[in-house]
């Protein structure tokens, strides 16, 4: 599963969101991967973060609180 969102304030930028299973090798935990590419290259974002799925609900709450 992956999603791409247009990055506000840019001409071609995108935010890419994907679920990665075992991103660091066998038995590593599943993460939500969030990447930002100013050039629109989903496969090579300039910035990315991996969030353990166990922390996802708390991160979503914190992000929603920013609104």
N, C-alpha and C. Protein backbone atom coordinates (compact mmCIF):
# COMPACT_ATOMS: atom_id res chain seq x y z
N UNK A 1 0.83 -1.18 0.00
CA UNK A 1 0.00 0.00 0.00
C UNK A 1 0.88 1.24 0.00
N UNK A 2 0.59 2.17 -0.89
CA UNK A 2 1.30 3.45 -0.89
C UNK A 2 0.38 4.54 -1.40
N UNK A 3 0.69 5.76 -0.97
CA UNK A 3 -0.11 6.92 -1.34
C UNK A 3 0.85 8.05 -1.69
N UNK A 4 0.49 8.84 -2.68
CA UNK A 4 1.28 10.01 -3.05
C UNK A 4 0.38 11.23 -2.98
N UNK A 5 0.89 12.29 -2.34
CA UNK A 5 0.14 13.54 -2.14
C UNK A 5 0.97 14.68 -2.72
N UNK A 6 0.33 15.59 -3.44
CA UNK A 6 1.03 16.77 -3.94
C UNK A 6 1.51 17.62 -2.76
N UNK A 7 2.76 18.07 -2.83
CA UNK A 7 3.35 18.87 -1.77
C UNK A 7 2.99 20.34 -1.98
N UNK A 8 2.20 20.87 -1.10
CA UNK A 8 1.74 22.25 -1.20
C UNK A 8 2.92 23.22 -1.27
N UNK A 9 2.78 24.24 -2.10
CA UNK A 9 3.81 25.27 -2.22
C UNK A 9 4.94 24.92 -3.17
N UNK A 10 4.83 23.79 -3.88
CA UNK A 10 5.85 23.40 -4.85
C UNK A 10 5.20 23.14 -6.20
N UNK A 11 6.01 23.13 -7.25
CA UNK A 11 5.49 22.84 -8.58
C UNK A 11 5.36 21.34 -8.83
N UNK A 12 6.37 20.56 -8.38
CA UNK A 12 6.37 19.13 -8.67
C UNK A 12 6.49 18.26 -7.41
N UNK A 13 6.65 18.87 -6.26
CA UNK A 13 6.93 18.13 -5.04
C UNK A 13 5.82 17.17 -4.64
N UNK A 14 6.22 16.08 -3.98
CA UNK A 14 5.26 15.09 -3.50
C UNK A 14 5.64 14.60 -2.11
N UNK A 15 4.62 14.15 -1.41
CA UNK A 15 4.78 13.43 -0.15
C UNK A 15 4.38 12.00 -0.47
N UNK A 16 5.24 11.05 -0.17
CA UNK A 16 4.91 9.65 -0.42
C UNK A 16 4.81 8.93 0.92
N UNK A 17 3.79 8.09 1.03
CA UNK A 17 3.54 7.35 2.26
C UNK A 17 3.39 5.88 1.90
N UNK A 18 4.14 5.04 2.59
CA UNK A 18 4.09 3.60 2.29
C UNK A 18 4.28 2.80 3.57
N UNK A 19 3.78 1.59 3.56
CA UNK A 19 3.98 0.64 4.65
C UNK A 19 5.11 -0.30 4.22
N UNK A 20 6.17 -0.39 5.04
CA UNK A 20 7.31 -1.24 4.73
C UNK A 20 7.42 -2.34 5.78
N UNK A 21 7.39 -3.58 5.33
CA UNK A 21 7.55 -4.70 6.24
C UNK A 21 9.01 -5.16 6.23
N UNK A 22 9.55 -5.37 7.41
CA UNK A 22 10.95 -5.78 7.59
C UNK A 22 11.92 -4.86 6.84
N UNK A 23 11.85 -3.54 7.05
CA UNK A 23 12.69 -2.62 6.30
C UNK A 23 14.18 -2.72 6.62
N UNK A 24 14.51 -3.28 7.77
CA UNK A 24 15.91 -3.36 8.19
C UNK A 24 16.39 -4.81 8.25
N UNK A 25 15.69 -5.69 7.54
CA UNK A 25 16.07 -7.09 7.52
C UNK A 25 15.08 -7.98 8.25
N UNK A 26 15.34 -9.25 8.22
CA UNK A 26 14.44 -10.26 8.81
C UNK A 26 14.12 -9.94 10.26
N UNK A 27 12.83 -10.01 10.58
CA UNK A 27 12.30 -9.81 11.92
C UNK A 27 12.33 -8.36 12.40
N UNK A 28 12.69 -7.39 11.54
CA UNK A 28 12.59 -5.99 11.96
C UNK A 28 11.13 -5.56 11.84
N UNK A 29 10.72 -4.63 12.67
CA UNK A 29 9.32 -4.22 12.74
C UNK A 29 8.86 -3.45 11.52
N UNK A 30 7.57 -3.57 11.23
CA UNK A 30 6.94 -2.84 10.13
C UNK A 30 6.89 -1.36 10.46
N UNK A 31 7.11 -0.51 9.45
CA UNK A 31 7.11 0.94 9.64
C UNK A 31 6.22 1.62 8.61
N UNK A 32 5.79 2.81 8.95
CA UNK A 32 5.19 3.72 7.99
C UNK A 32 6.34 4.60 7.48
N UNK A 33 6.55 4.61 6.19
CA UNK A 33 7.62 5.40 5.59
C UNK A 33 7.01 6.64 4.96
N UNK A 34 7.51 7.81 5.35
CA UNK A 34 7.03 9.08 4.81
C UNK A 34 8.21 9.77 4.15
N UNK A 35 8.07 10.02 2.85
CA UNK A 35 9.15 10.67 2.10
C UNK A 35 8.67 11.96 1.48
N UNK A 36 9.59 12.91 1.32
CA UNK A 36 9.29 14.17 0.64
C UNK A 36 10.30 14.37 -0.47
N UNK A 37 9.78 14.60 -1.67
CA UNK A 37 10.63 14.86 -2.82
C UNK A 37 10.19 16.17 -3.47
N UNK A 38 11.08 17.13 -3.52
CA UNK A 38 10.77 18.41 -4.16
C UNK A 38 10.72 18.27 -5.68
N UNK A 39 11.45 17.29 -6.21
CA UNK A 39 11.49 17.09 -7.66
C UNK A 39 10.37 16.18 -8.15
N UNK A 40 9.62 15.57 -7.22
CA UNK A 40 8.54 14.68 -7.61
C UNK A 40 8.96 13.24 -7.80
N UNK A 41 10.20 12.91 -7.42
CA UNK A 41 10.70 11.55 -7.58
C UNK A 41 10.33 10.72 -6.34
N UNK A 42 9.25 9.97 -6.45
CA UNK A 42 8.75 9.16 -5.34
C UNK A 42 9.77 8.11 -4.89
N UNK A 43 10.57 7.62 -5.82
CA UNK A 43 11.53 6.55 -5.52
C UNK A 43 12.82 7.04 -4.87
N UNK A 44 13.06 8.34 -4.88
CA UNK A 44 14.29 8.88 -4.28
C UNK A 44 13.99 10.20 -3.56
N UNK A 45 13.25 10.12 -2.44
CA UNK A 45 12.92 11.36 -1.73
C UNK A 45 14.15 12.00 -1.10
N UNK A 46 14.15 13.32 -1.02
CA UNK A 46 15.26 14.03 -0.38
C UNK A 46 15.22 13.84 1.14
N UNK A 47 14.03 13.71 1.70
CA UNK A 47 13.86 13.50 3.14
C UNK A 47 12.93 12.33 3.35
N UNK A 48 13.21 11.54 4.38
CA UNK A 48 12.26 10.48 4.74
C UNK A 48 12.39 10.13 6.21
N UNK A 49 11.30 9.59 6.73
CA UNK A 49 11.26 9.14 8.12
C UNK A 49 10.54 7.81 8.15
N UNK A 50 10.99 6.92 9.03
CA UNK A 50 10.32 5.65 9.25
C UNK A 50 9.75 5.66 10.66
N UNK A 51 8.44 5.48 10.74
CA UNK A 51 7.76 5.47 12.03
C UNK A 51 7.29 4.05 12.34
N UNK A 52 7.71 3.49 13.48
CA UNK A 52 7.21 2.17 13.84
C UNK A 52 5.68 2.21 13.94
N UNK A 53 5.03 1.18 13.44
CA UNK A 53 3.56 1.17 13.48
C UNK A 53 3.04 1.25 14.90
N UNK A 54 3.80 0.76 15.88
CA UNK A 54 3.38 0.85 17.28
C UNK A 54 3.24 2.30 17.75
N UNK A 55 3.93 3.24 17.11
CA UNK A 55 3.86 4.65 17.49
C UNK A 55 2.90 5.47 16.62
N UNK A 56 2.32 4.85 15.63
CA UNK A 56 1.56 5.59 14.62
C UNK A 56 0.37 6.36 15.20
N UNK A 57 -0.41 5.75 16.09
CA UNK A 57 -1.57 6.45 16.65
C UNK A 57 -1.16 7.71 17.40
N UNK A 58 -0.09 7.63 18.19
CA UNK A 58 0.38 8.80 18.94
C UNK A 58 0.89 9.89 18.00
N UNK A 59 1.59 9.50 16.95
CA UNK A 59 2.10 10.48 15.99
C UNK A 59 0.95 11.17 15.27
N UNK A 60 -0.07 10.40 14.88
CA UNK A 60 -1.24 10.99 14.21
C UNK A 60 -1.93 11.98 15.13
N UNK A 61 -2.10 11.64 16.40
CA UNK A 61 -2.72 12.55 17.36
C UNK A 61 -1.91 13.83 17.49
N UNK A 62 -0.59 13.71 17.58
CA UNK A 62 0.28 14.89 17.72
C UNK A 62 0.19 15.77 16.48
N UNK A 63 0.15 15.16 15.30
CA UNK A 63 0.04 15.94 14.06
C UNK A 63 -1.31 16.64 13.97
N UNK A 64 -2.38 15.95 14.36
CA UNK A 64 -3.71 16.56 14.34
C UNK A 64 -3.80 17.74 15.31
N UNK A 65 -3.09 17.66 16.42
CA UNK A 65 -3.08 18.74 17.40
C UNK A 65 -2.43 20.01 16.84
N UNK A 66 -1.58 19.87 15.82
CA UNK A 66 -0.94 21.04 15.21
C UNK A 66 -1.91 21.91 14.45
N UNK A 67 -3.03 21.33 14.04
CA UNK A 67 -4.02 22.09 13.27
C UNK A 67 -4.56 23.19 14.15
